[in-house]
Amino acid sequence: MRLALRFVGLRGEDGAVRELHSVPTGTIFAVPEEGFTLGRSVDAGIRIHDGSVARAHARVRRDGDHLLVTDLASTNGTFVNGVRVPSSTTAGVPCRLGDRLTLAMGYELEVVDLEPDR
């Protein structure tokens, strides 16, 4: 299994998912072993152009059969399946296939398998 993140979109307060121009819905991002940062910075592996997202908002890296998510002291938070990831958790919170990662005001990504038929 090779885990990746699929961009779902921006989920509004009404529950509807909205498209973004900066990251098209359905875009899949392979997560390299060393991982990458999610945020507004031009250096981010997944770049989201929105003031509610910090320049370096969260970090995702692979660890065996799951991903580890770390919040990088963002103001608006990082959530796994609706539960806030504490900024004090430097080891990361595990994410498995099908889990949902949410940044700030509702930017949602899903953990998917790049090789589902293996």
PDB file of N, CA and C in Angstrom:
ATOM      1  N   MET A   1       0.856  -1.172   0.000  1.00  0.00           N
ATOM      2  CA  MET A   1       0.000   0.000   0.000  1.00  0.00           C
ATOM      3  C   MET A   1       0.905   1.240   0.000  1.00  0.00           C
ATOM      4  N   ARG A   2       0.554   2.184  -0.857  1.00  0.00           N
ATOM      5  CA  ARG A   2       1.293   3.442  -0.942  1.00  0.00           C
ATOM      6  C   ARG A   2       0.296   4.579  -0.725  1.00  0.00           C
ATOM      7  N   LEU A   3       0.342   5.189   0.455  1.00  0.00           N
ATOM      8  CA  LEU A   3      -0.660   6.186   0.813  1.00  0.00           C
ATOM      9  C   LEU A   3      -0.358   7.557   0.214  1.00  0.00           C
ATOM     10  N   ALA A   4      -1.439   8.276  -0.067  1.00  0.00           N
ATOM     11  CA  ALA A   4      -1.368   9.613  -0.647  1.00  0.00           C
ATOM     12  C   ALA A   4      -2.514  10.431  -0.071  1.00  0.00           C
ATOM     13  N   LEU A   5      -2.540  11.707  -0.408  1.00  0.00           N
ATOM     14  CA  LEU A   5      -3.641  12.586  -0.006  1.00  0.00           C
ATOM     15  C   LEU A   5      -4.404  13.046  -1.234  1.00  0.00           C
ATOM     16  N   ARG A   6      -5.735  12.909  -1.186  1.00  0.00           N
ATOM     17  CA  ARG A   6      -6.604  13.392  -2.265  1.00  0.00           C
ATOM     18  C   ARG A   6      -7.315  14.632  -1.757  1.00  0.00           C
ATOM     19  N   PHE A   7      -7.195  15.729  -2.527  1.00  0.00           N
ATOM     20  CA  PHE A   7      -7.841  16.976  -2.125  1.00  0.00           C
ATOM     21  C   PHE A   7      -9.334  16.873  -2.396  1.00  0.00           C
ATOM     22  N   VAL A   8     -10.133  16.986  -1.339  1.00  0.00           N
ATOM     23  CA  VAL A   8     -11.593  16.897  -1.447  1.00  0.00           C
ATOM     24  C   VAL A   8     -12.169  18.263  -1.811  1.00  0.00           C
ATOM     25  N   GLY A   9     -11.684  19.324  -1.155  1.00  0.00           N
ATOM     26  CA  GLY A   9     -12.173  20.671  -1.414  1.00  0.00           C
ATOM     27  C   GLY A   9     -12.353  21.446  -0.134  1.00  0.00           C
ATOM     28  N   LEU A  10     -13.030  22.556  -0.241  1.00  0.00           N
ATOM     29  CA  LEU A  10     -13.326  23.405   0.906  1.00  0.00           C
ATOM     30  C   LEU A  10     -14.755  23.114   1.346  1.00  0.00           C
ATOM     31  N   ARG A  11     -14.903  22.577   2.549  1.00  0.00           N
ATOM     32  CA  ARG A  11     -16.239  22.251   3.063  1.00  0.00           C
ATOM     33  C   ARG A  11     -16.776  23.457   3.809  1.00  0.00           C
ATOM     34  N   GLY A  12     -17.909  23.971   3.347  1.00  0.00           N
ATOM     35  CA  GLY A  12     -18.541  25.135   3.956  1.00  0.00           C
ATOM     36  C   GLY A  12     -19.317  24.774   5.203  1.00  0.00           C
ATOM     37  N   GLU A  13     -19.796  25.778   5.891  1.00  0.00           N
ATOM     38  CA  GLU A  13     -20.583  25.563   7.104  1.00  0.00           C
ATOM     39  C   GLU A  13     -21.848  24.764   6.825  1.00  0.00           C
ATOM     40  N   ASP A  14     -22.345  24.847   5.592  1.00  0.00           N
ATOM     41  CA  ASP A  14     -23.550  24.102   5.218  1.00  0.00           C
ATOM     42  C   ASP A  14     -23.251  22.653   4.832  1.00  0.00           C
ATOM     43  N   GLY A  15     -21.967  22.256   4.885  1.00  0.00           N
ATOM     44  CA  GLY A  15     -21.575  20.891   4.558  1.00  0.00           C
ATOM     45  C   GLY A  15     -21.248  20.660   3.096  1.00  0.00           C
ATOM     46  N   ALA A  16     -21.563  21.636   2.249  1.00  0.00           N
ATOM     47  CA  ALA A  16     -21.286  21.491   0.813  1.00  0.00           C
ATOM     48  C   ALA A  16     -19.794  21.697   0.545  1.00  0.00           C
ATOM     49  N   VAL A  17     -19.262  20.921  -0.408  1.00  0.00           N
ATOM     50  CA  VAL A  17     -17.854  21.035  -0.791  1.00  0.00           C
ATOM     51  C   VAL A  17     -17.748  21.966  -1.984  1.00  0.00           C
ATOM     52  N   ARG A  18     -16.834  22.926  -1.895  1.00  0.00           N
ATOM     53  CA  ARG A  18     -16.636  23.897  -2.962  1.00  0.00           C
ATOM     54  C   ARG A  18     -15.300  23.664  -3.646  1.00  0.00           C
ATOM     55  N   GLU A  19     -15.261  23.934  -4.934  1.00  0.00           N
ATOM     56  CA  GLU A  19     -14.035  23.836  -5.729  1.00  0.00           C
ATOM     57  C   GLU A  19     -13.125  25.022  -5.436  1.00  0.00           C
ATOM     58  N   LEU A  20     -11.837  24.813  -5.575  1.00  0.00           N
ATOM     59  CA  LEU A  20     -10.854  25.891  -5.476  1.00  0.00           C
ATOM     60  C   LEU A  20     -10.109  25.976  -6.800  1.00  0.00           C
ATOM     61  N   HIS A  21      -9.670  27.170  -7.145  1.00  0.00           N
ATOM     62  CA  HIS A  21      -8.883  27.316  -8.373  1.00  0.00           C
ATOM     63  C   HIS A  21      -7.433  26.917  -8.149  1.00  0.00           C
ATOM     64  N   SER A  22      -6.922  27.120  -6.926  1.00  0.00           N
ATOM     65  CA  SER A  22      -5.514  26.835  -6.660  1.00  0.00           C
ATOM     66  C   SER A  22      -5.221  25.342  -6.563  1.00  0.00           C
ATOM     67  N   VAL A  23      -6.177  24.551  -6.059  1.00  0.00           N
ATOM     68  CA  VAL A  23      -6.006  23.096  -5.956  1.00  0.00           C
ATOM     69  C   VAL A  23      -7.304  22.453  -6.437  1.00  0.00           C
ATOM     70  N   PRO A  24      -7.305  21.866  -7.636  1.00  0.00           N
ATOM     71  CA  PRO A  24      -8.543  21.253  -8.138  1.00  0.00           C
ATOM     72  C   PRO A  24      -9.000  20.061  -7.281  1.00  0.00           C
ATOM     73  N   THR A  25     -10.296  19.955  -7.078  1.00  0.00           N
ATOM     74  CA  THR A  25     -10.871  18.826  -6.357  1.00  0.00           C
ATOM     75  C   THR A  25     -10.462  17.525  -7.034  1.00  0.00           C
ATOM     76  N   GLY A  26     -10.085  16.545  -6.237  1.00  0.00           N
ATOM     77  CA  GLY A  26      -9.676  15.243  -6.759  1.00  0.00           C
ATOM     78  C   GLY A  26      -8.192  15.106  -7.006  1.00  0.00           C
ATOM     79  N   THR A  27      -7.439  16.200  -6.914  1.00  0.00           N
ATOM     80  CA  THR A  27      -5.996  16.125  -7.111  1.00  0.00           C
ATOM     81  C   THR A  27      -5.389  15.210  -6.059  1.00  0.00           C
ATOM     82  N   ILE A  28      -4.526  14.288  -6.512  1.00  0.00           N
ATOM     83  CA  ILE A  28      -3.882  13.346  -5.599  1.00  0.00           C
ATOM     84  C   ILE A  28      -2.418  13.716  -5.459  1.00  0.00           C
ATOM     85  N   PHE A  29      -1.966  13.772  -4.204  1.00  0.00           N
ATOM     86  CA  PHE A  29      -0.584  14.114  -3.884  1.00  0.00           C
ATOM     87  C   PHE A  29       0.091  12.905  -3.248  1.00  0.00           C
ATOM     88  N   ALA A  30       1.070  12.328  -3.937  1.00  0.00           N
ATOM     89  CA  ALA A  30       1.851  11.236  -3.353  1.00  0.00           C
ATOM     90  C   ALA A  30       2.651  11.798  -2.191  1.00  0.00           C
ATOM     91  N   VAL A  31       2.730  11.057  -1.113  1.00  0.00           N
ATOM     92  CA  VAL A  31       3.488  11.510   0.055  1.00  0.00           C
ATOM     93  C   VAL A  31       4.834  10.783   0.054  1.00  0.00           C
ATOM     94  N   PRO A  32       5.917  11.520  -0.162  1.00  0.00           N
ATOM     95  CA  PRO A  32       7.233  10.885  -0.137  1.00  0.00           C
ATOM     96  C   PRO A  32       7.591  10.444   1.285  1.00  0.00           C
ATOM     97  N   GLU A  33       8.543   9.542   1.390  1.00  0.00           N
ATOM     98  CA  GLU A  33       8.973   9.026   2.696  1.00  0.00           C
ATOM     99  C   GLU A  33       9.261  10.161   3.685  1.00  0.00           C
ATOM    100  N   GLU A  34       9.987  11.186   3.226  1.00  0.00           N
ATOM    101  CA  GLU A  34      10.356  12.303   4.113  1.00  0.00           C
ATOM    102  C   GLU A  34       9.197  13.260   4.358  1.00  0.00           C
ATOM    103  N   GLY A  35       8.127  13.142   3.570  1.00  0.00           N
ATOM    104  CA  GLY A  35       6.947  13.957   3.760  1.00  0.00           C
ATOM    105  C   GLY A  35       7.053  15.339   3.143  1.00  0.00           C
ATOM    106  N   PHE A  36       6.074  16.180   3.472  1.00  0.00           N
ATOM    107  CA  PHE A  36       6.059  17.559   3.002  1.00  0.00           C
ATOM    108  C   PHE A  36       5.167  18.409   3.893  1.00  0.00           C
ATOM    109  N   THR A  37       5.261  19.712   3.678  1.00  0.00           N
ATOM    110  CA  THR A  37       4.478  20.679   4.438  1.00  0.00           C
ATOM    111  C   THR A  37       3.239  21.075   3.647  1.00  0.00           C
ATOM    112  N   LEU A  38       2.148  21.350   4.351  1.00  0.00           N
ATOM    113  CA  LEU A  38       0.940  21.896   3.763  1.00  0.00           C
ATOM    114  C   LEU A  38       0.807  23.319   4.273  1.00  0.00           C
ATOM    115  N   GLY A  39       0.514  24.266   3.391  1.00  0.00           N
ATOM    116  CA  GLY A  39       0.367  25.648   3.828  1.00  0.00           C
ATOM    117  C   GLY A  39       0.333  26.620   2.669  1.00  0.00           C
ATOM    118  N   ARG A  40       0.499  27.905   2.978  1.00  0.00           N
ATOM    119  CA  ARG A  40       0.466  28.969   1.968  1.00  0.00           C
ATOM    120  C   ARG A  40       1.817  29.203   1.303  1.00  0.00           C
ATOM    121  N   SER A  41       2.887  28.750   1.905  1.00  0.00           N
ATOM    122  CA  SER A  41       4.235  29.022   1.419  1.00  0.00           C
ATOM    123  C   SER A  41       4.461  28.435   0.020  1.00  0.00           C
ATOM    124  N   VAL A  42       5.288  29.116  -0.764  1.00  0.00           N
ATOM    125  CA  VAL A  42       5.633  28.593  -2.093  1.00  0.00           C
ATOM    126  C   VAL A  42       6.416  27.291  -1.972  1.00  0.00           C
ATOM    127  N   ASP A  43       6.980  27.007  -0.809  1.00  0.00           N
ATOM    128  CA  ASP A  43       7.741  25.777  -0.586  1.00  0.00           C
ATOM    129  C   ASP A  43       6.867  24.605  -0.143  1.00  0.00           C
ATOM    130  N   ALA A  44       5.595  24.830   0.078  1.00  0.00           N
ATOM    131  CA  ALA A  44       4.703  23.776   0.570  1.00  0.00           C
ATOM    132  C   ALA A  44       4.452  22.717  -0.500  1.00  0.00           C
ATOM    133  N   GLY A  45       4.393  21.457  -0.078  1.00  0.00           N
ATOM    134  CA  GLY A  45       4.069  20.362  -0.992  1.00  0.00           C
ATOM    135  C   GLY A  45       2.642  20.462  -1.491  1.00  0.00           C
ATOM    136  N   ILE A  46       1.743  20.892  -0.622  1.00  0.00           N
ATOM    137  CA  ILE A  46       0.371  21.222  -1.010  1.00  0.00           C
ATOM    138  C   ILE A  46       0.170  22.674  -0.602  1.00  0.00           C
ATOM    139  N   ARG A  47       0.008  23.543  -1.603  1.00  0.00           N
ATOM    140  CA  ARG A  47      -0.103  24.977  -1.347  1.00  0.00           C
ATOM    141  C   ARG A  47      -1.564  25.412  -1.459  1.00  0.00           C
ATOM    142  N   ILE A  48      -2.065  26.035  -0.395  1.00  0.00           N
ATOM    143  CA  ILE A  48      -3.437  26.523  -0.363  1.00  0.00           C
ATOM    144  C   ILE A  48      -3.392  28.031  -0.166  1.00  0.00           C
ATOM    145  N   HIS A  49      -3.906  28.766  -1.143  1.00  0.00           N
ATOM    146  CA  HIS A  49      -3.884  30.222  -1.115  1.00  0.00           C
ATOM    147  C   HIS A  49      -5.067  30.765  -0.319  1.00  0.00           C
ATOM    148  N   ASP A  50      -4.918  30.832   0.996  1.00  0.00           N
ATOM    149  CA  ASP A  50      -5.989  31.345   1.842  1.00  0.00           C
ATOM    150  C   ASP A  50      -5.379  31.832   3.141  1.00  0.00           C
ATOM    151  N   GLY A  51      -5.797  33.001   3.585  1.00  0.00           N
ATOM    152  CA  GLY A  51      -5.272  33.587   4.810  1.00  0.00           C
ATOM    153  C   GLY A  51      -5.563  32.795   6.070  1.00  0.00           C
ATOM    154  N   SER A  52      -6.548  31.884   6.045  1.00  0.00           N
ATOM    155  CA  SER A  52      -6.840  31.073   7.228  1.00  0.00           C
ATOM    156  C   SER A  52      -5.851  29.920   7.386  1.00  0.00           C
ATOM    157  N   VAL A  53      -5.066  29.676   6.333  1.00  0.00           N
ATOM    158  CA  VAL A  53      -4.057  28.620   6.342  1.00  0.00           C
ATOM    159  C   VAL A  53      -2.701  29.279   6.588  1.00  0.00           C
ATOM    160  N   ALA A  54      -1.948  28.755   7.547  1.00  0.00           N
ATOM    161  CA  ALA A  54      -0.629  29.312   7.864  1.00  0.00           C
ATOM    162  C   ALA A  54       0.359  29.020   6.733  1.00  0.00           C
ATOM    163  N   ARG A  55       1.424  29.801   6.684  1.00  0.00           N
ATOM    164  CA  ARG A  55       2.463  29.559   5.666  1.00  0.00           C
ATOM    165  C   ARG A  55       2.983  28.131   5.763  1.00  0.00           C
ATOM    166  N   ALA A  56       3.296  27.695   6.964  1.00  0.00           N
ATOM    167  CA  ALA A  56       3.672  26.306   7.235  1.00  0.00           C
ATOM    168  C   ALA A  56       2.643  25.800   8.248  1.00  0.00           C
ATOM    169  N   HIS A  57       1.569  25.212   7.755  1.00  0.00           N
ATOM    170  CA  HIS A  57       0.404  24.877   8.576  1.00  0.00           C
ATOM    171  C   HIS A  57       0.546  23.499   9.241  1.00  0.00           C
ATOM    172  N   ALA A  58       0.889  22.506   8.449  1.00  0.00           N
ATOM    173  CA  ALA A  58       0.997  21.138   8.957  1.00  0.00           C
ATOM    174  C   ALA A  58       2.056  20.386   8.163  1.00  0.00           C
ATOM    175  N   ARG A  59       2.495  19.273   8.726  1.00  0.00           N
ATOM    176  CA  ARG A  59       3.464  18.416   8.041  1.00  0.00           C
ATOM    177  C   ARG A  59       2.903  17.008   7.996  1.00  0.00           C
ATOM    178  N   VAL A  60       3.086  16.347   6.850  1.00  0.00           N
ATOM    179  CA  VAL A  60       2.638  14.969   6.677  1.00  0.00           C
ATOM    180  C   VAL A  60       3.834  14.147   6.207  1.00  0.00           C
ATOM    181  N   ARG A  61       4.014  12.970   6.826  1.00  0.00           N
ATOM    182  CA  ARG A  61       5.075  12.072   6.362  1.00  0.00           C
ATOM    183  C   ARG A  61       4.601  10.628   6.473  1.00  0.00           C
ATOM    184  N   ARG A  62       5.250   9.762   5.717  1.00  0.00           N
ATOM    185  CA  ARG A  62       4.889   8.343   5.742  1.00  0.00           C
ATOM    186  C   ARG A  62       5.578   7.644   6.906  1.00  0.00           C
ATOM    187  N   ASP A  63       4.894   6.652   7.451  1.00  0.00           N
ATOM    188  CA  ASP A  63       5.460   5.818   8.509  1.00  0.00           C
ATOM    189  C   ASP A  63       4.819   4.439   8.414  1.00  0.00           C
ATOM    190  N   GLY A  64       5.421   3.564   7.635  1.00  0.00           N
ATOM    191  CA  GLY A  64       4.877   2.219   7.441  1.00  0.00           C
ATOM    192  C   GLY A  64       3.549   2.252   6.717  1.00  0.00           C
ATOM    193  N   ASP A  65       2.498   1.683   7.330  1.00  0.00           N
ATOM    194  CA  ASP A  65       1.189   1.576   6.689  1.00  0.00           C
ATOM    195  C   ASP A  65       0.270   2.749   6.993  1.00  0.00           C
ATOM    196  N   HIS A  66       0.837   3.842   7.499  1.00  0.00           N
ATOM    197  CA  HIS A  66       0.014   5.022   7.787  1.00  0.00           C
ATOM    198  C   HIS A  66       0.831   6.299   7.561  1.00  0.00           C
ATOM    199  N   LEU A  67       0.144   7.422   7.654  1.00  0.00           N
ATOM    200  CA  LEU A  67       0.791   8.733   7.571  1.00  0.00           C
ATOM    201  C   LEU A  67       0.811   9.333   8.966  1.00  0.00           C
ATOM    202  N   LEU A  68       1.775  10.190   9.220  1.00  0.00           N
ATOM    203  CA  LEU A  68       1.819  10.934  10.477  1.00  0.00           C
ATOM    204  C   LEU A  68       1.600  12.403  10.176  1.00  0.00           C
ATOM    205  N   VAL A  69       0.663  13.017  10.885  1.00  0.00           N
ATOM    206  CA  VAL A  69       0.312  14.421  10.683  1.00  0.00           C
ATOM    207  C   VAL A  69       0.724  15.210  11.912  1.00  0.00           C
ATOM    208  N   THR A  70       1.441  16.307  11.681  1.00  0.00           N
ATOM    209  CA  THR A  70       1.873  17.203  12.749  1.00  0.00           C
ATOM    210  C   THR A  70       1.359  18.604  12.450  1.00  0.00           C
ATOM    211  N   ASP A  71       0.733  19.243  13.428  1.00  0.00           N
ATOM    212  CA  ASP A  71       0.338  20.639  13.292  1.00  0.00           C
ATOM    213  C   ASP A  71       1.544  21.496  13.636  1.00  0.00           C
ATOM    214  N   LEU A  72       1.844  22.480  12.797  1.00  0.00           N
ATOM    215  CA  LEU A  72       3.029  23.317  12.990  1.00  0.00           C
ATOM    216  C   LEU A  72       2.683  24.631  13.683  1.00  0.00           C
ATOM    217  N   ALA A  73       1.948  24.512  14.795  1.00  0.00           N
ATOM    218  CA  ALA A  73       1.528  25.664  15.603  1.00  0.00           C
ATOM    219  C   ALA A  73       0.654  26.635  14.816  1.00  0.00           C
ATOM    220  N   SER A  74      -0.207  26.092  13.974  1.00  0.00           N
ATOM    221  CA  SER A  74      -1.122  26.933  13.202  1.00  0.00           C
ATOM    222  C   SER A  74      -2.181  27.538  14.116  1.00  0.00           C
ATOM    223  N   THR A  75      -2.670  28.701  13.757  1.00  0.00           N
ATOM    224  CA  THR A  75      -3.705  29.370  14.544  1.00  0.00           C
ATOM    225  C   THR A  75      -5.050  28.670  14.411  1.00  0.00           C
ATOM    226  N   ASN A  76      -5.415  28.270  13.185  1.00  0.00           N
ATOM    227  CA  ASN A  76      -6.749  27.730  12.930  1.00  0.00           C
ATOM    228  C   ASN A  76      -6.838  26.212  12.971  1.00  0.00           C
ATOM    229  N   GLY A  77      -5.740  25.552  13.243  1.00  0.00           N
ATOM    230  CA  GLY A  77      -5.765  24.133  13.534  1.00  0.00           C
ATOM    231  C   GLY A  77      -5.705  23.171  12.363  1.00  0.00           C
ATOM    232  N   THR A  78      -5.312  21.961  12.725  1.00  0.00           N
ATOM    233  CA  THR A  78      -5.270  20.803  11.835  1.00  0.00           C
ATOM    234  C   THR A  78      -6.081  19.720  12.529  1.00  0.00           C
ATOM    235  N   PHE A  79      -6.936  19.018  11.779  1.00  0.00           N
ATOM    236  CA  PHE A  79      -7.842  18.035  12.363  1.00  0.00           C
ATOM    237  C   PHE A  79      -7.750  16.712  11.611  1.00  0.00           C
ATOM    238  N   VAL A  80      -7.822  15.610  12.352  1.00  0.00           N
ATOM    239  CA  VAL A  80      -7.900  14.281  11.757  1.00  0.00           C
ATOM    240  C   VAL A  80      -9.237  13.692  12.178  1.00  0.00           C
ATOM    241  N   ASN A  81     -10.089  13.429  11.196  1.00  0.00           N
ATOM    242  CA  ASN A  81     -11.438  12.913  11.455  1.00  0.00           C
ATOM    243  C   ASN A  81     -12.190  13.781  12.474  1.00  0.00           C
ATOM    244  N   GLY A  82     -11.997  15.107  12.363  1.00  0.00           N
ATOM    245  CA  GLY A  82     -12.716  16.047  13.212  1.00  0.00           C
ATOM    246  C   GLY A  82     -12.084  16.323  14.561  1.00  0.00           C
ATOM    247  N   VAL A  83     -11.005  15.631  14.904  1.00  0.00           N
ATOM    248  CA  VAL A  83     -10.338  15.824  16.193  1.00  0.00           C
ATOM    249  C   VAL A  83      -9.077  16.660  15.970  1.00  0.00           C
ATOM    250  N   ARG A  84      -8.961  17.747  16.729  1.00  0.00           N
ATOM    251  CA  ARG A  84      -7.821  18.654  16.554  1.00  0.00           C
ATOM    252  C   ARG A  84      -6.503  17.971  16.921  1.00  0.00           C
ATOM    253  N   VAL A  85      -5.496  18.173  16.062  1.00  0.00           N
ATOM    254  CA  VAL A  85      -4.150  17.662  16.317  1.00  0.00           C
ATOM    255  C   VAL A  85      -3.445  18.680  17.210  1.00  0.00           C
ATOM    256  N   PRO A  86      -3.046  18.284  18.413  1.00  0.00           N
ATOM    257  CA  PRO A  86      -2.373  19.247  19.298  1.00  0.00           C
ATOM    258  C   PRO A  86      -1.028  19.678  18.714  1.00  0.00           C
ATOM    259  N   SER A  87      -0.738  20.970  18.778  1.00  0.00           N
ATOM    260  CA  SER A  87       0.547  21.467  18.286  1.00  0.00           C
ATOM    261  C   SER A  87       1.709  20.889  19.070  1.00  0.00           C
ATOM    262  N   SER A  88       1.446  20.446  20.292  1.00  0.00           N
ATOM    263  CA  SER A  88       2.499  19.890  21.139  1.00  0.00           C
ATOM    264  C   SER A  88       2.880  18.462  20.746  1.00  0.00           C
ATOM    265  N   THR A  89       2.126  17.835  19.834  1.00  0.00           N
ATOM    266  CA  THR A  89       2.399  16.461  19.420  1.00  0.00           C
ATOM    267  C   THR A  89       3.436  16.467  18.308  1.00  0.00           C
ATOM    268  N   THR A  90       4.703  16.416  18.668  1.00  0.00           N
ATOM    269  CA  THR A  90       5.767  16.486  17.667  1.00  0.00           C
ATOM    270  C   THR A  90       5.952  15.170  16.918  1.00  0.00           C
ATOM    271  N   ALA A  91       5.542  14.050  17.514  1.00  0.00           N
ATOM    272  CA  ALA A  91       5.687  12.756  16.849  1.00  0.00           C
ATOM    273  C   ALA A  91       4.677  12.580  15.721  1.00  0.00           C
ATOM    274  N   GLY A  92       3.578  13.302  15.774  1.00  0.00           N
ATOM    275  CA  GLY A  92       2.549  13.201  14.752  1.00  0.00           C
ATOM    276  C   GLY A  92       1.408  12.293  15.161  1.00  0.00           C
ATOM    277  N   VAL A  93       0.260  12.560  14.578  1.00  0.00           N
ATOM    278  CA  VAL A  93      -0.943  11.755  14.812  1.00  0.00           C
ATOM    279  C   VAL A  93      -1.120  10.830  13.608  1.00  0.00           C
ATOM    280  N   PRO A  94      -1.321   9.522  13.842  1.00  0.00           N
ATOM    281  CA  PRO A  94      -1.460   8.593  12.716  1.00  0.00           C
ATOM    282  C   PRO A  94      -2.746   8.809  11.919  1.00  0.00           C
ATOM    283  N   CYS A  95      -2.626   8.675  10.589  1.00  0.00           N
ATOM    284  CA  CYS A  95      -3.758   8.720   9.650  1.00  0.00           C
ATOM    285  C   CYS A  95      -3.688   7.464   8.805  1.00  0.00           C
ATOM    286  N   ARG A  96      -4.810   6.800   8.673  1.00  0.00           N
ATOM    287  CA  ARG A  96      -4.874   5.572   7.889  1.00  0.00           C
ATOM    288  C   ARG A  96      -5.795   5.760   6.691  1.00  0.00           C
ATOM    289  N   LEU A  97      -5.798   4.774   5.838  1.00  0.00           N
ATOM    290  CA  LEU A  97      -6.623   4.776   4.637  1.00  0.00           C
ATOM    291  C   LEU A  97      -8.061   5.164   4.976  1.00  0.00           C
ATOM    292  N   GLY A  98      -8.589   6.176   4.270  1.00  0.00           N
ATOM    293  CA  GLY A  98      -9.963   6.622   4.474  1.00  0.00           C
ATOM    294  C   GLY A  98     -10.117   7.745   5.481  1.00  0.00           C
ATOM    295  N   ASP A  99      -9.084   8.020   6.271  1.00  0.00           N
ATOM    296  CA  ASP A  99      -9.160   9.115   7.239  1.00  0.00           C
ATOM    297  C   ASP A  99      -9.236  10.455   6.525  1.00  0.00           C
ATOM    298  N   ARG A 100      -9.808  11.448   7.215  1.00  0.00           N
ATOM    299  CA  ARG A 100      -9.951  12.809   6.670  1.00  0.00           C
ATOM    300  C   ARG A 100      -9.059  13.769   7.447  1.00  0.00           C
ATOM    301  N   LEU A 101      -8.321  14.566   6.717  1.00  0.00           N
ATOM    302  CA  LEU A 101      -7.464  15.603   7.271  1.00  0.00           C
ATOM    303  C   LEU A 101      -8.062  16.943   6.887  1.00  0.00           C
ATOM    304  N   THR A 102      -8.277  17.824   7.872  1.00  0.00           N
ATOM    305  CA  THR A 102      -8.869  19.134   7.607  1.00  0.00           C
ATOM    306  C   THR A 102      -7.931  20.213   8.124  1.00  0.00           C
ATOM    307  N   LEU A 103      -7.718  21.227   7.290  1.00  0.00           N
ATOM    308  CA  LEU A 103      -6.890  22.365   7.671  1.00  0.00           C
ATOM    309  C   LEU A 103      -7.768  23.587   7.835  1.00  0.00           C
ATOM    310  N   ALA A 104      -7.482  24.370   8.860  1.00  0.00           N
ATOM    311  CA  ALA A 104      -8.076  25.691   9.061  1.00  0.00           C
ATOM    312  C   ALA A 104      -9.593  25.671   8.962  1.00  0.00           C
ATOM    313  N   MET A 105     -10.128  26.449   8.047  1.00  0.00           N
ATOM    314  CA  MET A 105     -11.564  26.672   7.953  1.00  0.00           C
ATOM    315  C   MET A 105     -12.298  25.670   7.059  1.00  0.00           C
ATOM    316  N   GLY A 106     -11.727  24.463   6.883  1.00  0.00           N
ATOM    317  CA  GLY A 106     -12.467  23.431   6.160  1.00  0.00           C
ATOM    318  C   GLY A 106     -11.814  22.872   4.918  1.00  0.00           C
ATOM    319  N   TYR A 107     -10.522  23.075   4.720  1.00  0.00           N
ATOM    320  CA  TYR A 107      -9.832  22.479   3.565  1.00  0.00           C
ATOM    321  C   TYR A 107      -9.619  21.005   3.863  1.00  0.00           C
ATOM    322  N   GLU A 108     -10.288  20.153   3.113  1.00  0.00           N
ATOM    323  CA  GLU A 108     -10.368  18.739   3.445  1.00  0.00           C
ATOM    324  C   GLU A 108      -9.594  17.871   2.456  1.00  0.00           C
ATOM    325  N   LEU A 109      -8.837  16.916   3.021  1.00  0.00           N
ATOM    326  CA  LEU A 109      -8.098  15.942   2.226  1.00  0.00           C
ATOM    327  C   LEU A 109      -8.410  14.557   2.770  1.00  0.00           C
ATOM    328  N   GLU A 110      -8.348  13.552   1.903  1.00  0.00           N
ATOM    329  CA  GLU A 110      -8.620  12.175   2.316  1.00  0.00           C
ATOM    330  C   GLU A 110      -7.391  11.319   2.053  1.00  0.00           C
ATOM    331  N   VAL A 111      -7.084  10.405   2.986  1.00  0.00           N
ATOM    332  CA  VAL A 111      -5.981   9.468   2.797  1.00  0.00           C
ATOM    333  C   VAL A 111      -6.458   8.370   1.850  1.00  0.00           C
ATOM    334  N   VAL A 112      -5.728   8.205   0.730  1.00  0.00           N
ATOM    335  CA  VAL A 112      -6.075   7.199  -0.281  1.00  0.00           C
ATOM    336  C   VAL A 112      -4.864   6.334  -0.578  1.00  0.00           C
ATOM    337  N   ASP A 113      -5.100   5.228  -1.283  1.00  0.00           N
ATOM    338  CA  ASP A 113      -4.041   4.304  -1.686  1.00  0.00           C
ATOM    339  C   ASP A 113      -3.714   4.537  -3.158  1.00  0.00           C
ATOM    340  N   LEU A 114      -2.452   4.804  -3.462  1.00  0.00           N
ATOM    341  CA  LEU A 114      -2.039   4.992  -4.857  1.00  0.00           C
ATOM    342  C   LEU A 114      -2.025   3.696  -5.642  1.00  0.00           C
ATOM    343  N   GLU A 115      -1.952   2.564  -4.934  1.00  0.00           N
ATOM    344  CA  GLU A 115      -1.873   1.252  -5.578  1.00  0.00           C
ATOM    345  C   GLU A 115      -2.973   0.331  -5.027  1.00  0.00           C
ATOM    346  N   PRO A 116      -4.261   0.664  -5.257  1.00  0.00           N
ATOM    347  CA  PRO A 116      -5.345  -0.088  -4.633  1.00  0.00           C
ATOM    348  C   PRO A 116      -5.461  -1.547  -5.083  1.00  0.00           C
ATOM    349  N   ASP A 117      -4.929  -1.887  -6.246  1.00  0.00           N
ATOM    350  CA  ASP A 117      -5.090  -3.247  -6.773  1.00  0.00           C
ATOM    351  C   ASP A 117      -3.931  -4.159  -6.433  1.00  0.00           C
ATOM    352  N   ARG A 118      -2.994  -3.696  -5.648  1.00  0.00           N
ATOM    353  CA  ARG A 118      -1.825  -4.528  -5.293  1.00  0.00           C
ATOM    354  C   ARG A 118      -2.121  -5.431  -4.161  1.00  0.00           C
TER     355      ARG A 118
END
